[in-house]
Structure formats: structure tokens, C-alpha cells
Amino acid sequence: MVIHKTFSDFILYLFVHMAYADGDLHPAEEKAILEKMNRHFPIEGDHKIKFDQEVVTYQKIEPSKHHSIIKESFKHFDHIKFSQRYRIYADMYDIIQADGKVEASETKAINELKQIIDMIVDK
């Protein structure tokens, strides 16, 4: 299931997904996401508003559907180069480390993401 119209919106979804991987959105994780949004959404409006909207959208999705959304979205956005996908992976690692600890659930989530990224082959 693909729910995002742009790759940038999908990136924000991934960032929120990583922040919630341990079941809680820590203020340091939110700050890290907002800083990363400056690179992914450089000319768009208020990043905090966009972030808050994505959090609300994310929380409405049944947790069991996130894996499918991520996998199908990466397939949908297959024009994105491998190097950019791994840069996003590195950004998400920064997000899960932002609160000073990496929980087992966060490690599991980022490893699942890496497996999905590895499955998508550049054309």
C-alpha cells in the first residue's frame, strides 16, 4: 500500500516510524527529525506543522500495516538511487540514537528497513 504522493513525504513517514519504533516519540527524536527536514523539505512551509500532521496520520495507521507500506513505497519510488536510500537509512539511525539510547525494538525496525532497502535493486 502506497500512501505518499512524493518521496519526501515518504521520508518523513519513515522518520516518524523510526521515532516510534520504541513506542514513544522522544523530544530529542522530534528535534532530530525537524533538523533533517531542512534538507528534505528546504523550501516548504512550517516544518513543525508538517511533522505534527504526519504524526497524526502515522498514529491512525494500524501498526501491522507499516511494514507493507514501507516495502511497497520503496518499490513505488524505485527511481530513487541506492546511495540516496542509504543516506535515508543513516538519517534514521541518527533519529533512533537522538534520545541517547537504542532500544531493541529500534534495532529491529532499522534492520527490517535495511533488508527492504537491500531488496530494491537500482535499474
PDB file of N, CA and C in Angstrom:
ATOM      1  N   MET A   1       0.836  -1.171   0.000  1.00  0.00           N
ATOM      2  CA  MET A   1       0.000   0.000   0.000  1.00  0.00           C
ATOM      3  C   MET A   1       0.892   1.248   0.000  1.00  0.00           C
ATOM      4  N   VAL A   2       0.721   2.084  -0.983  1.00  0.00           N
ATOM      5  CA  VAL A   2       1.473   3.338  -1.091  1.00  0.00           C
ATOM      6  C   VAL A   2       0.531   4.464  -0.668  1.00  0.00           C
ATOM      7  N   ILE A   3       0.930   5.248   0.320  1.00  0.00           N
ATOM      8  CA  ILE A   3       0.056   6.305   0.826  1.00  0.00           C
ATOM      9  C   ILE A   3       0.639   7.702   0.643  1.00  0.00           C
ATOM     10  N   HIS A   4       1.843   7.800   0.084  1.00  0.00           N
ATOM     11  CA  HIS A   4       2.501   9.100  -0.078  1.00  0.00           C
ATOM     12  C   HIS A   4       2.660   9.445  -1.544  1.00  0.00           C
ATOM     13  N   LYS A   5       2.391  10.706  -1.872  1.00  0.00           N
ATOM     14  CA  LYS A   5       2.491  11.158  -3.259  1.00  0.00           C
ATOM     15  C   LYS A   5       3.922  11.481  -3.663  1.00  0.00           C
ATOM     16  N   THR A   6       4.741  11.906  -2.705  1.00  0.00           N
ATOM     17  CA  THR A   6       6.122  12.273  -3.016  1.00  0.00           C
ATOM     18  C   THR A   6       7.085  11.465  -2.162  1.00  0.00           C
ATOM     19  N   PHE A   7       8.306  11.339  -2.670  1.00  0.00           N
ATOM     20  CA  PHE A   7       9.326  10.620  -1.906  1.00  0.00           C
ATOM     21  C   PHE A   7       9.668  11.370  -0.621  1.00  0.00           C
ATOM     22  N   SER A   8       9.647  12.678  -0.658  1.00  0.00           N
ATOM     23  CA  SER A   8       9.928  13.470   0.551  1.00  0.00           C
ATOM     24  C   SER A   8       8.895  13.185   1.642  1.00  0.00           C
ATOM     25  N   ASP A   9       7.630  13.075   1.258  1.00  0.00           N
ATOM     26  CA  ASP A   9       6.601  12.742   2.251  1.00  0.00           C
ATOM     27  C   ASP A   9       6.823  11.348   2.816  1.00  0.00           C
ATOM     28  N   PHE A  10       7.247  10.436   1.961  1.00  0.00           N
ATOM     29  CA  PHE A  10       7.552   9.079   2.426  1.00  0.00           C
ATOM     30  C   PHE A  10       8.732   9.094   3.392  1.00  0.00           C
ATOM     31  N   ILE A  11       9.728   9.901   3.112  1.00  0.00           N
ATOM     32  CA  ILE A  11      10.879  10.023   4.018  1.00  0.00           C
ATOM     33  C   ILE A  11      10.415  10.478   5.398  1.00  0.00           C
ATOM     34  N   LEU A  12       9.554  11.474   5.435  1.00  0.00           N
ATOM     35  CA  LEU A  12       9.048  11.955   6.724  1.00  0.00           C
ATOM     36  C   LEU A  12       8.309  10.839   7.451  1.00  0.00           C
ATOM     37  N   TYR A  13       7.517  10.074   6.741  1.00  0.00           N
ATOM     38  CA  TYR A  13       6.837   8.914   7.331  1.00  0.00           C
ATOM     39  C   TYR A  13       7.860   7.945   7.932  1.00  0.00           C
ATOM     40  N   LEU A  14       8.935   7.666   7.192  1.00  0.00           N
ATOM     41  CA  LEU A  14       9.972   6.770   7.703  1.00  0.00           C
ATOM     42  C   LEU A  14      10.609   7.324   8.981  1.00  0.00           C
ATOM     43  N   PHE A  15      10.872   8.624   8.981  1.00  0.00           N
ATOM     44  CA  PHE A  15      11.452   9.246  10.168  1.00  0.00           C
ATOM     45  C   PHE A  15      10.528   9.086  11.378  1.00  0.00           C
ATOM     46  N   VAL A  16       9.247   9.329  11.175  1.00  0.00           N
ATOM     47  CA  VAL A  16       8.278   9.181  12.263  1.00  0.00           C
ATOM     48  C   VAL A  16       8.204   7.716  12.698  1.00  0.00           C
ATOM     49  N   HIS A  17       8.232   6.817  11.725  1.00  0.00           N
ATOM     50  CA  HIS A  17       8.204   5.382  12.039  1.00  0.00           C
ATOM     51  C   HIS A  17       9.389   4.996  12.932  1.00  0.00           C
ATOM     52  N   MET A  18      10.567   5.475  12.597  1.00  0.00           N
ATOM     53  CA  MET A  18      11.743   5.160  13.418  1.00  0.00           C
ATOM     54  C   MET A  18      11.620   5.772  14.810  1.00  0.00           C
ATOM     55  N   ALA A  19      11.116   6.989  14.891  1.00  0.00           N
ATOM     56  CA  ALA A  19      10.976   7.638  16.196  1.00  0.00           C
ATOM     57  C   ALA A  19      10.017   6.854  17.095  1.00  0.00           C
ATOM     58  N   TYR A  20       9.004   6.262  16.508  1.00  0.00           N
ATOM     59  CA  TYR A  20       8.023   5.497  17.284  1.00  0.00           C
ATOM     60  C   TYR A  20       8.380   4.019  17.421  1.00  0.00           C
ATOM     61  N   ALA A  21       9.511   3.602  16.903  1.00  0.00           N
ATOM     62  CA  ALA A  21       9.881   2.178  16.941  1.00  0.00           C
ATOM     63  C   ALA A  21       9.951   1.626  18.359  1.00  0.00           C
ATOM     64  N   ASP A  22      10.274   2.479  19.326  1.00  0.00           N
ATOM     65  CA  ASP A  22      10.320   2.027  20.716  1.00  0.00           C
ATOM     66  C   ASP A  22       9.014   2.322  21.449  1.00  0.00           C
ATOM     67  N   GLY A  23       7.998   2.753  20.708  1.00  0.00           N
ATOM     68  CA  GLY A  23       6.691   3.010  21.287  1.00  0.00           C
ATOM     69  C   GLY A  23       6.483   4.427  21.787  1.00  0.00           C
ATOM     70  N   ASP A  24       7.513   5.260  21.680  1.00  0.00           N
ATOM     71  CA  ASP A  24       7.428   6.603  22.236  1.00  0.00           C
ATOM     72  C   ASP A  24       8.197   7.577  21.357  1.00  0.00           C
ATOM     73  N   LEU A  25       7.653   8.756  21.179  1.00  0.00           N
ATOM     74  CA  LEU A  25       8.338   9.820  20.450  1.00  0.00           C
ATOM     75  C   LEU A  25       9.039  10.712  21.464  1.00  0.00           C
ATOM     76  N   HIS A  26      10.348  10.603  21.540  1.00  0.00           N
ATOM     77  CA  HIS A  26      11.149  11.388  22.478  1.00  0.00           C
ATOM     78  C   HIS A  26      11.376  12.784  21.891  1.00  0.00           C
ATOM     79  N   PRO A  27      11.370  13.830  22.719  1.00  0.00           N
ATOM     80  CA  PRO A  27      11.608  15.189  22.217  1.00  0.00           C
ATOM     81  C   PRO A  27      12.918  15.322  21.425  1.00  0.00           C
ATOM     82  N   ALA A  28      13.951  14.593  21.801  1.00  0.00           N
ATOM     83  CA  ALA A  28      15.220  14.647  21.070  1.00  0.00           C
ATOM     84  C   ALA A  28      15.074  14.029  19.681  1.00  0.00           C
ATOM     85  N   GLU A  29      14.236  13.001  19.558  1.00  0.00           N
ATOM     86  CA  GLU A  29      13.984  12.404  18.248  1.00  0.00           C
ATOM     87  C   GLU A  29      13.200  13.378  17.361  1.00  0.00           C
ATOM     88  N   GLU A  30      12.220  14.046  17.955  1.00  0.00           N
ATOM     89  CA  GLU A  30      11.468  15.056  17.203  1.00  0.00           C
ATOM     90  C   GLU A  30      12.404  16.159  16.710  1.00  0.00           C
ATOM     91  N   LYS A  31      13.293  16.613  17.573  1.00  0.00           N
ATOM     92  CA  LYS A  31      14.243  17.663  17.192  1.00  0.00           C
ATOM     93  C   LYS A  31      15.131  17.187  16.038  1.00  0.00           C
ATOM     94  N   ALA A  32      15.609  15.951  16.114  1.00  0.00           N
ATOM     95  CA  ALA A  32      16.457  15.400  15.049  1.00  0.00           C
ATOM     96  C   ALA A  32      15.692  15.344  13.724  1.00  0.00           C
ATOM     97  N   ILE A  33      14.424  14.951  13.781  1.00  0.00           N
ATOM     98  CA  ILE A  33      13.615  14.882  12.560  1.00  0.00           C
ATOM     99  C   ILE A  33      13.433  16.277  11.973  1.00  0.00           C
ATOM    100  N   LEU A  34      13.101  17.244  12.810  1.00  0.00           N
ATOM    101  CA  LEU A  34      12.891  18.608  12.320  1.00  0.00           C
ATOM    102  C   LEU A  34      14.158  19.161  11.672  1.00  0.00           C
ATOM    103  N   GLU A  35      15.320  18.837  12.233  1.00  0.00           N
ATOM    104  CA  GLU A  35      16.578  19.282  11.631  1.00  0.00           C
ATOM    105  C   GLU A  35      16.799  18.615  10.272  1.00  0.00           C
ATOM    106  N   LYS A  36      16.471  17.341  10.174  1.00  0.00           N
ATOM    107  CA  LYS A  36      16.649  16.625   8.907  1.00  0.00           C
ATOM    108  C   LYS A  36      15.646  17.094   7.856  1.00  0.00           C
ATOM    109  N   MET A  37      14.503  17.562   8.290  1.00  0.00           N
ATOM    110  CA  MET A  37      13.505  18.078   7.354  1.00  0.00           C
ATOM    111  C   MET A  37      14.033  19.296   6.600  1.00  0.00           C
ATOM    112  N   ASN A  38      14.951  20.035   7.191  1.00  0.00           N
ATOM    113  CA  ASN A  38      15.524  21.188   6.494  1.00  0.00           C
ATOM    114  C   ASN A  38      16.194  20.769   5.189  1.00  0.00           C
ATOM    115  N   ARG A  39      16.759  19.566   5.165  1.00  0.00           N
ATOM    116  CA  ARG A  39      17.414  19.076   3.957  1.00  0.00           C
ATOM    117  C   ARG A  39      16.402  18.492   2.974  1.00  0.00           C
ATOM    118  N   HIS A  40      15.399  17.798   3.484  1.00  0.00           N
ATOM    119  CA  HIS A  40      14.445  17.122   2.620  1.00  0.00           C
ATOM    120  C   HIS A  40      13.287  18.021   2.167  1.00  0.00           C
ATOM    121  N   PHE A  41      13.004  19.062   2.936  1.00  0.00           N
ATOM    122  CA  PHE A  41      11.922  19.996   2.620  1.00  0.00           C
ATOM    123  C   PHE A  41      12.457  21.420   2.722  1.00  0.00           C
ATOM    124  N   PRO A  42      13.488  21.789   1.950  1.00  0.00           N
ATOM    125  CA  PRO A  42      14.159  23.075   2.163  1.00  0.00           C
ATOM    126  C   PRO A  42      13.300  24.314   1.923  1.00  0.00           C
ATOM    127  N   ILE A  43      12.334  24.250   1.027  1.00  0.00           N
ATOM    128  CA  ILE A  43      11.588  25.468   0.730  1.00  0.00           C
ATOM    129  C   ILE A  43      10.117  25.387   1.127  1.00  0.00           C
ATOM    130  N   GLU A  44       9.720  24.296   1.700  1.00  0.00           N
ATOM    131  CA  GLU A  44       8.331  24.162   2.105  1.00  0.00           C
ATOM    132  C   GLU A  44       8.081  24.926   3.395  1.00  0.00           C
ATOM    133  N   GLY A  45       6.815  25.117   3.739  1.00  0.00           N
ATOM    134  CA  GLY A  45       6.384  25.915   4.883  1.00  0.00           C
ATOM    135  C   GLY A  45       6.920  25.465   6.228  1.00  0.00           C
ATOM    136  N   ASP A  46       6.096  25.578   7.213  1.00  0.00           N
ATOM    137  CA  ASP A  46       6.448  25.302   8.602  1.00  0.00           C
ATOM    138  C   ASP A  46       6.669  23.801   8.808  1.00  0.00           C
ATOM    139  N   HIS A  47       7.903  23.432   9.082  1.00  0.00           N
ATOM    140  CA  HIS A  47       8.237  22.014   9.253  1.00  0.00           C
ATOM    141  C   HIS A  47       7.549  21.395  10.458  1.00  0.00           C
ATOM    142  N   LYS A  48       7.376  22.151  11.516  1.00  0.00           N
ATOM    143  CA  LYS A  48       6.729  21.626  12.721  1.00  0.00           C
ATOM    144  C   LYS A  48       5.280  21.243  12.412  1.00  0.00           C
ATOM    145  N   ILE A  49       4.585  22.064  11.646  1.00  0.00           N
ATOM    146  CA  ILE A  49       3.201  21.752  11.283  1.00  0.00           C
ATOM    147  C   ILE A  49       3.154  20.489  10.429  1.00  0.00           C
ATOM    148  N   LYS A  50       4.038  20.398   9.445  1.00  0.00           N
ATOM    149  CA  LYS A  50       4.094  19.217   8.567  1.00  0.00           C
ATOM    150  C   LYS A  50       4.416  17.964   9.387  1.00  0.00           C
ATOM    151  N   PHE A  51       5.362  18.089  10.306  1.00  0.00           N
ATOM    152  CA  PHE A  51       5.729  16.979  11.182  1.00  0.00           C
ATOM    153  C   PHE A  51       4.528  16.542  12.029  1.00  0.00           C
ATOM    154  N   ASP A  52       3.873  17.501  12.669  1.00  0.00           N
ATOM    155  CA  ASP A  52       2.724  17.184  13.525  1.00  0.00           C
ATOM    156  C   ASP A  52       1.615  16.492  12.735  1.00  0.00           C
ATOM    157  N   GLN A  53       1.384  16.939  11.500  1.00  0.00           N
ATOM    158  CA  GLN A  53       0.372  16.312  10.657  1.00  0.00           C
ATOM    159  C   GLN A  53       0.749  14.868  10.337  1.00  0.00           C
ATOM    160  N   GLU A  54       2.025  14.631  10.068  1.00  0.00           N
ATOM    161  CA  GLU A  54       2.468  13.271   9.749  1.00  0.00           C
ATOM    162  C   GLU A  54       2.350  12.366  10.971  1.00  0.00           C
ATOM    163  N   VAL A  55       2.622  12.890  12.147  1.00  0.00           N
ATOM    164  CA  VAL A  55       2.486  12.098  13.374  1.00  0.00           C
ATOM    165  C   VAL A  55       1.035  11.654  13.545  1.00  0.00           C
ATOM    166  N   VAL A  56       0.097  12.568  13.341  1.00  0.00           N
ATOM    167  CA  VAL A  56      -1.321  12.236  13.464  1.00  0.00           C
ATOM    168  C   VAL A  56      -1.700  11.165  12.440  1.00  0.00           C
ATOM    169  N   THR A  57      -1.257  11.340  11.195  1.00  0.00           N
ATOM    170  CA  THR A  57      -1.534  10.364  10.144  1.00  0.00           C
ATOM    171  C   THR A  57      -0.937   9.008  10.502  1.00  0.00           C
ATOM    172  N   TYR A  58       0.307   9.017  10.952  1.00  0.00           N
ATOM    173  CA  TYR A  58       1.005   7.780  11.320  1.00  0.00           C
ATOM    174  C   TYR A  58       0.255   7.025  12.417  1.00  0.00           C
ATOM    175  N   GLN A  59      -0.194   7.751  13.421  1.00  0.00           N
ATOM    176  CA  GLN A  59      -0.854   7.115  14.561  1.00  0.00           C
ATOM    177  C   GLN A  59      -2.204   6.506  14.194  1.00  0.00           C
ATOM    178  N   LYS A  60      -2.804   6.956  13.103  1.00  0.00           N
ATOM    179  CA  LYS A  60      -4.093   6.414  12.664  1.00  0.00           C
ATOM    180  C   LYS A  60      -3.941   5.102  11.905  1.00  0.00           C
ATOM    181  N   ILE A  61      -2.728   4.783  11.496  1.00  0.00           N
ATOM    182  CA  ILE A  61      -2.480   3.566  10.718  1.00  0.00           C
ATOM    183  C   ILE A  61      -2.313   2.382  11.660  1.00  0.00           C
ATOM    184  N   GLU A  62      -2.962   1.297  11.316  1.00  0.00           N
ATOM    185  CA  GLU A  62      -2.825   0.075  12.103  1.00  0.00           C
ATOM    186  C   GLU A  62      -1.355  -0.366  12.095  1.00  0.00           C
ATOM    187  N   PRO A  63      -0.752  -0.587  13.258  1.00  0.00           N
ATOM    188  CA  PRO A  63       0.681  -0.915  13.323  1.00  0.00           C
ATOM    189  C   PRO A  63       1.110  -2.066  12.418  1.00  0.00           C
ATOM    190  N   SER A  64       0.262  -3.042  12.225  1.00  0.00           N
ATOM    191  CA  SER A  64       0.640  -4.190  11.389  1.00  0.00           C
ATOM    192  C   SER A  64       0.787  -3.821   9.912  1.00  0.00           C
ATOM    193  N   LYS A  65       0.358  -2.642   9.516  1.00  0.00           N
ATOM    194  CA  LYS A  65       0.411  -2.238   8.111  1.00  0.00           C
ATOM    195  C   LYS A  65       1.687  -1.465   7.759  1.00  0.00           C
ATOM    196  N   HIS A  66       2.433  -1.030   8.750  1.00  0.00           N
ATOM    197  CA  HIS A  66       3.603  -0.200   8.467  1.00  0.00           C
ATOM    198  C   HIS A  66       4.645  -0.906   7.598  1.00  0.00           C
ATOM    199  N   HIS A  67       4.920  -2.157   7.881  1.00  0.00           N
ATOM    200  CA  HIS A  67       5.926  -2.895   7.107  1.00  0.00           C
ATOM    201  C   HIS A  67       5.532  -2.935   5.625  1.00  0.00           C
ATOM    202  N   SER A  68       4.276  -3.227   5.360  1.00  0.00           N
ATOM    203  CA  SER A  68       3.788  -3.293   3.984  1.00  0.00           C
ATOM    204  C   SER A  68       3.865  -1.923   3.313  1.00  0.00           C
ATOM    205  N   ILE A  69       3.508  -0.879   4.028  1.00  0.00           N
ATOM    206  CA  ILE A  69       3.573   0.477   3.473  1.00  0.00           C
ATOM    207  C   ILE A  69       5.009   0.815   3.086  1.00  0.00           C
ATOM    208  N   ILE A  70       5.947   0.494   3.955  1.00  0.00           N
ATOM    209  CA  ILE A  70       7.352   0.802   3.689  1.00  0.00           C
ATOM    210  C   ILE A  70       7.857   0.017   2.481  1.00  0.00           C
ATOM    211  N   LYS A  71       7.583  -1.266   2.467  1.00  0.00           N
ATOM    212  CA  LYS A  71       8.063  -2.115   1.370  1.00  0.00           C
ATOM    213  C   LYS A  71       7.473  -1.675   0.032  1.00  0.00           C
ATOM    214  N   GLU A  72       6.170  -1.477  -0.014  1.00  0.00           N
ATOM    215  CA  GLU A  72       5.514  -1.092  -1.263  1.00  0.00           C
ATOM    216  C   GLU A  72       5.923   0.312  -1.708  1.00  0.00           C
ATOM    217  N   SER A  73       6.160   1.193  -0.753  1.00  0.00           N
ATOM    218  CA  SER A  73       6.571   2.562  -1.100  1.00  0.00           C
ATOM    219  C   SER A  73       7.970   2.576  -1.693  1.00  0.00           C
ATOM    220  N   PHE A  74       8.879   1.793  -1.126  1.00  0.00           N
ATOM    221  CA  PHE A  74      10.217   1.719  -1.722  1.00  0.00           C
ATOM    222  C   PHE A  74      10.145   1.159  -3.138  1.00  0.00           C
ATOM    223  N   LYS A  75       9.282   0.195  -3.367  1.00  0.00           N
ATOM    224  CA  LYS A  75       9.109  -0.334  -4.724  1.00  0.00           C
ATOM    225  C   LYS A  75       8.522   0.742  -5.645  1.00  0.00           C
ATOM    226  N   HIS A  76       7.566   1.487  -5.131  1.00  0.00           N
ATOM    227  CA  HIS A  76       6.923   2.544  -5.915  1.00  0.00           C
ATOM    228  C   HIS A  76       7.910   3.647  -6.295  1.00  0.00           C
ATOM    229  N   PHE A  77       8.751   4.025  -5.351  1.00  0.00           N
ATOM    230  CA  PHE A  77       9.746   5.070  -5.585  1.00  0.00           C
ATOM    231  C   PHE A  77      11.073   4.448  -6.019  1.00  0.00           C
ATOM    232  N   ASP A  78      11.009   3.526  -6.958  1.00  0.00           N
ATOM    233  CA  ASP A  78      12.194   2.785  -7.386  1.00  0.00           C
ATOM    234  C   ASP A  78      13.180   3.631  -8.180  1.00  0.00           C
ATOM    235  N   HIS A  79      12.800   4.830  -8.554  1.00  0.00           N
ATOM    236  CA  HIS A  79      13.703   5.721  -9.291  1.00  0.00           C
ATOM    237  C   HIS A  79      14.732   6.380  -8.367  1.00  0.00           C
ATOM    238  N   ILE A  80      14.566   6.218  -7.077  1.00  0.00           N
ATOM    239  CA  ILE A  80      15.496   6.805  -6.111  1.00  0.00           C
ATOM    240  C   ILE A  80      16.762   5.956  -6.075  1.00  0.00           C
ATOM    241  N   LYS A  81      17.877   6.604  -6.233  1.00  0.00           N
ATOM    242  CA  LYS A  81      19.163   5.904  -6.305  1.00  0.00           C
ATOM    243  C   LYS A  81      19.505   5.221  -4.981  1.00  0.00           C
ATOM    244  N   PHE A  82      20.237   4.150  -5.104  1.00  0.00           N
ATOM    245  CA  PHE A  82      20.678   3.348  -3.966  1.00  0.00           C
ATOM    246  C   PHE A  82      21.386   4.218  -2.926  1.00  0.00           C
ATOM    247  N   SER A  83      22.246   5.105  -3.384  1.00  0.00           N
ATOM    248  CA  SER A  83      23.001   5.953  -2.442  1.00  0.00           C
ATOM    249  C   SER A  83      22.077   6.857  -1.638  1.00  0.00           C
ATOM    250  N   GLN A  84      21.023   7.351  -2.261  1.00  0.00           N
ATOM    251  CA  GLN A  84      20.082   8.200  -1.529  1.00  0.00           C
ATOM    252  C   GLN A  84      19.283   7.378  -0.520  1.00  0.00           C
ATOM    253  N   ARG A  85      18.915   6.157  -0.887  1.00  0.00           N
ATOM    254  CA  ARG A  85      18.188   5.290   0.054  1.00  0.00           C
ATOM    255  C   ARG A  85      19.045   5.012   1.286  1.00  0.00           C
ATOM    256  N   TYR A  86      20.342   4.808   1.086  1.00  0.00           N
ATOM    257  CA  TYR A  86      21.206   4.546   2.239  1.00  0.00           C
ATOM    258  C   TYR A  86      21.482   5.799   3.057  1.00  0.00           C
ATOM    259  N   ARG A  87      21.439   6.960   2.437  1.00  0.00           N
ATOM    260  CA  ARG A  87      21.574   8.207   3.194  1.00  0.00           C
ATOM    261  C   ARG A  87      20.371   8.348   4.135  1.00  0.00           C
ATOM    262  N   ILE A  88      19.203   7.967   3.647  1.00  0.00           N
ATOM    263  CA  ILE A  88      17.998   7.997   4.473  1.00  0.00           C
ATOM    264  C   ILE A  88      18.134   7.004   5.626  1.00  0.00           C
ATOM    265  N   TYR A  89      18.674   5.839   5.330  1.00  0.00           N
ATOM    266  CA  TYR A  89      18.929   4.839   6.375  1.00  0.00           C
ATOM    267  C   TYR A  89      19.828   5.428   7.457  1.00  0.00           C
ATOM    268  N   ALA A  90      20.885   6.120   7.064  1.00  0.00           N
ATOM    269  CA  ALA A  90      21.790   6.747   8.033  1.00  0.00           C
ATOM    270  C   ALA A  90      21.061   7.820   8.843  1.00  0.00           C
ATOM    271  N   ASP A  91      20.207   8.591   8.189  1.00  0.00           N
ATOM    272  CA  ASP A  91      19.412   9.603   8.900  1.00  0.00           C
ATOM    273  C   ASP A  91      18.538   8.952   9.963  1.00  0.00           C
ATOM    274  N   MET A  92      17.932   7.837   9.624  1.00  0.00           N
ATOM    275  CA  MET A  92      17.060   7.163  10.580  1.00  0.00           C
ATOM    276  C   MET A  92      17.851   6.602  11.758  1.00  0.00           C
ATOM    277  N   TYR A  93      19.063   6.177  11.512  1.00  0.00           N
ATOM    278  CA  TYR A  93      19.908   5.720  12.603  1.00  0.00           C
ATOM    279  C   TYR A  93      20.199   6.878  13.552  1.00  0.00           C
ATOM    280  N   ASP A  94      20.435   8.076  12.981  1.00  0.00           N
ATOM    281  CA  ASP A  94      20.635   9.266  13.815  1.00  0.00           C
ATOM    282  C   ASP A  94      19.406   9.545  14.673  1.00  0.00           C
ATOM    283  N   ILE A  95      18.229   9.331  14.109  1.00  0.00           N
ATOM    284  CA  ILE A  95      16.989   9.595  14.839  1.00  0.00           C
ATOM    285  C   ILE A  95      16.842   8.647  16.023  1.00  0.00           C
ATOM    286  N   ILE A  96      17.100   7.361  15.817  1.00  0.00           N
ATOM    287  CA  ILE A  96      16.920   6.427  16.932  1.00  0.00           C
ATOM    288  C   ILE A  96      17.989   6.612  18.009  1.00  0.00           C
ATOM    289  N   GLN A  97      19.112   7.220  17.661  1.00  0.00           N
ATOM    290  CA  GLN A  97      20.156   7.488  18.647  1.00  0.00           C
ATOM    291  C   GLN A  97      19.953   8.827  19.358  1.00  0.00           C
ATOM    292  N   ALA A  98      19.051   9.650  18.866  1.00  0.00           N
ATOM    293  CA  ALA A  98      18.900  11.016  19.356  1.00  0.00           C
ATOM    294  C   ALA A  98      18.567  11.096  20.840  1.00  0.00           C
ATOM    295  N   ASP A  99      17.844  10.114  21.366  1.00  0.00           N
ATOM    296  CA  ASP A  99      17.481  10.159  22.784  1.00  0.00           C
ATOM    297  C   ASP A  99      18.545   9.546  23.693  1.00  0.00           C
ATOM    298  N   GLY A 100      19.677   9.167  23.108  1.00  0.00           N
ATOM    299  CA  GLY A 100      20.797   8.675  23.908  1.00  0.00           C
ATOM    300  C   GLY A 100      20.832   7.179  24.130  1.00  0.00           C
ATOM    301  N   LYS A 101      19.822   6.483  23.648  1.00  0.00           N
ATOM    302  CA  LYS A 101      19.816   5.022  23.794  1.00  0.00           C
ATOM    303  C   LYS A 101      19.098   4.404  22.602  1.00  0.00           C
ATOM    304  N   VAL A 102      19.531   3.219  22.243  1.00  0.00           N
ATOM    305  CA  VAL A 102      18.903   2.491  21.139  1.00  0.00           C
ATOM    306  C   VAL A 102      18.277   1.232  21.730  1.00  0.00           C
ATOM    307  N   GLU A 103      16.960   1.195  21.688  1.00  0.00           N
ATOM    308  CA  GLU A 103      16.207   0.061  22.225  1.00  0.00           C
ATOM    309  C   GLU A 103      16.242  -1.103  21.236  1.00  0.00           C
ATOM    310  N   ALA A 104      15.971  -2.299  21.726  1.00  0.00           N
ATOM    311  CA  ALA A 104      15.944  -3.487  20.864  1.00  0.00           C
ATOM    312  C   ALA A 104      14.894  -3.342  19.760  1.00  0.00           C
ATOM    313  N   SER A 105      13.769  -2.736  20.077  1.00  0.00           N
ATOM    314  CA  SER A 105      12.717  -2.547  19.070  1.00  0.00           C
ATOM    315  C   SER A 105      13.176  -1.597  17.966  1.00  0.00           C
ATOM    316  N   GLU A 106      13.997  -0.618  18.312  1.00  0.00           N
ATOM    317  CA  GLU A 106      14.533   0.302  17.311  1.00  0.00           C
ATOM    318  C   GLU A 106      15.550  -0.404  16.421  1.00  0.00           C
ATOM    319  N   THR A 107      16.379  -1.233  17.020  1.00  0.00           N
ATOM    320  CA  THR A 107      17.350  -2.011  16.247  1.00  0.00           C
ATOM    321  C   THR A 107      16.625  -2.934  15.280  1.00  0.00           C
ATOM    322  N   LYS A 108      15.565  -3.570  15.754  1.00  0.00           N
ATOM    323  CA  LYS A 108      14.775  -4.451  14.893  1.00  0.00           C
ATOM    324  C   LYS A 108      14.172  -3.663  13.728  1.00  0.00           C
ATOM    325  N   ALA A 109      13.604  -2.505  14.009  1.00  0.00           N
ATOM    326  CA  ALA A 109      12.969  -1.691  12.961  1.00  0.00           C
ATOM    327  C   ALA A 109      13.981  -1.238  11.913  1.00  0.00           C
ATOM    328  N   ILE A 110      15.144  -0.813  12.363  1.00  0.00           N
ATOM    329  CA  ILE A 110      16.132  -0.327  11.388  1.00  0.00           C
ATOM    330  C   ILE A 110      16.728  -1.484  10.587  1.00  0.00           C
ATOM    331  N   ASN A 111      16.857  -2.648  11.197  1.00  0.00           N
ATOM    332  CA  ASN A 111      17.334  -3.818  10.452  1.00  0.00           C
ATOM    333  C   ASN A 111      16.315  -4.264   9.402  1.00  0.00           C
ATOM    334  N   GLU A 112      15.021  -4.188   9.742  1.00  0.00           N
ATOM    335  CA  GLU A 112      13.981  -4.513   8.766  1.00  0.00           C
ATOM    336  C   GLU A 112      14.023  -3.535   7.603  1.00  0.00           C
ATOM    337  N   LEU A 113      14.240  -2.269   7.921  1.00  0.00           N
ATOM    338  CA  LEU A 113      14.339  -1.258   6.873  1.00  0.00           C
ATOM    339  C   LEU A 113      15.526  -1.541   5.964  1.00  0.00           C
ATOM    340  N   LYS A 114      16.659  -1.908   6.538  1.00  0.00           N
ATOM    341  CA  LYS A 114      17.842  -2.216   5.743  1.00  0.00           C
ATOM    342  C   LYS A 114      17.562  -3.387   4.802  1.00  0.00           C
ATOM    343  N   GLN A 115      16.866  -4.397   5.283  1.00  0.00           N
ATOM    344  CA  GLN A 115      16.523  -5.542   4.433  1.00  0.00           C
ATOM    345  C   GLN A 115      15.659  -5.109   3.254  1.00  0.00           C
ATOM    346  N   ILE A 116      14.711  -4.222   3.505  1.00  0.00           N
ATOM    347  CA  ILE A 116      13.845  -3.736   2.423  1.00  0.00           C
ATOM    348  C   ILE A 116      14.665  -2.922   1.418  1.00  0.00           C
ATOM    349  N   ILE A 117      15.535  -2.050   1.910  1.00  0.00           N
ATOM    350  CA  ILE A 117      16.380  -1.255   1.022  1.00  0.00           C
ATOM    351  C   ILE A 117      17.259  -2.168   0.168  1.00  0.00           C
ATOM    352  N   ASP A 118      17.809  -3.203   0.773  1.00  0.00           N
ATOM    353  CA  ASP A 118      18.670  -4.138   0.045  1.00  0.00           C
ATOM    354  C   ASP A 118      17.919  -4.909  -1.040  1.00  0.00           C
ATOM    355  N   MET A 119      16.605  -5.122  -0.834  1.00  0.00           N
ATOM    356  CA  MET A 119      15.803  -5.863  -1.810  1.00  0.00           C
ATOM    357  C   MET A 119      15.556  -5.063  -3.077  1.00  0.00           C
ATOM    358  N   ILE A 120      15.493  -3.746  -2.951  1.00  0.00           N
ATOM    359  CA  ILE A 120      15.186  -2.894  -4.087  1.00  0.00           C
ATOM    360  C   ILE A 120      16.479  -2.647  -4.859  1.00  0.00           C
ATOM    361  N   VAL A 121      16.522  -3.113  -6.080  1.00  0.00           N
ATOM    362  CA  VAL A 121      17.730  -3.017  -6.897  1.00  0.00           C
ATOM    363  C   VAL A 121      17.608  -1.832  -7.849  1.00  0.00           C
ATOM    364  N   ASP A 122      18.705  -1.078  -7.989  1.00  0.00           N
ATOM    365  CA  ASP A 122      18.719   0.018  -8.955  1.00  0.00           C
ATOM    366  C   ASP A 122      18.520  -0.509 -10.362  1.00  0.00           C
ATOM    367  N   LYS A 123      17.810   0.284 -11.132  1.00  0.00           N
ATOM    368  CA  LYS A 123      17.585  -0.095 -12.542  1.00  0.00           C
ATOM    369  C   LYS A 123      18.759   0.284 -13.389  1.00  0.00           C
TER     370      LYS A 123
END
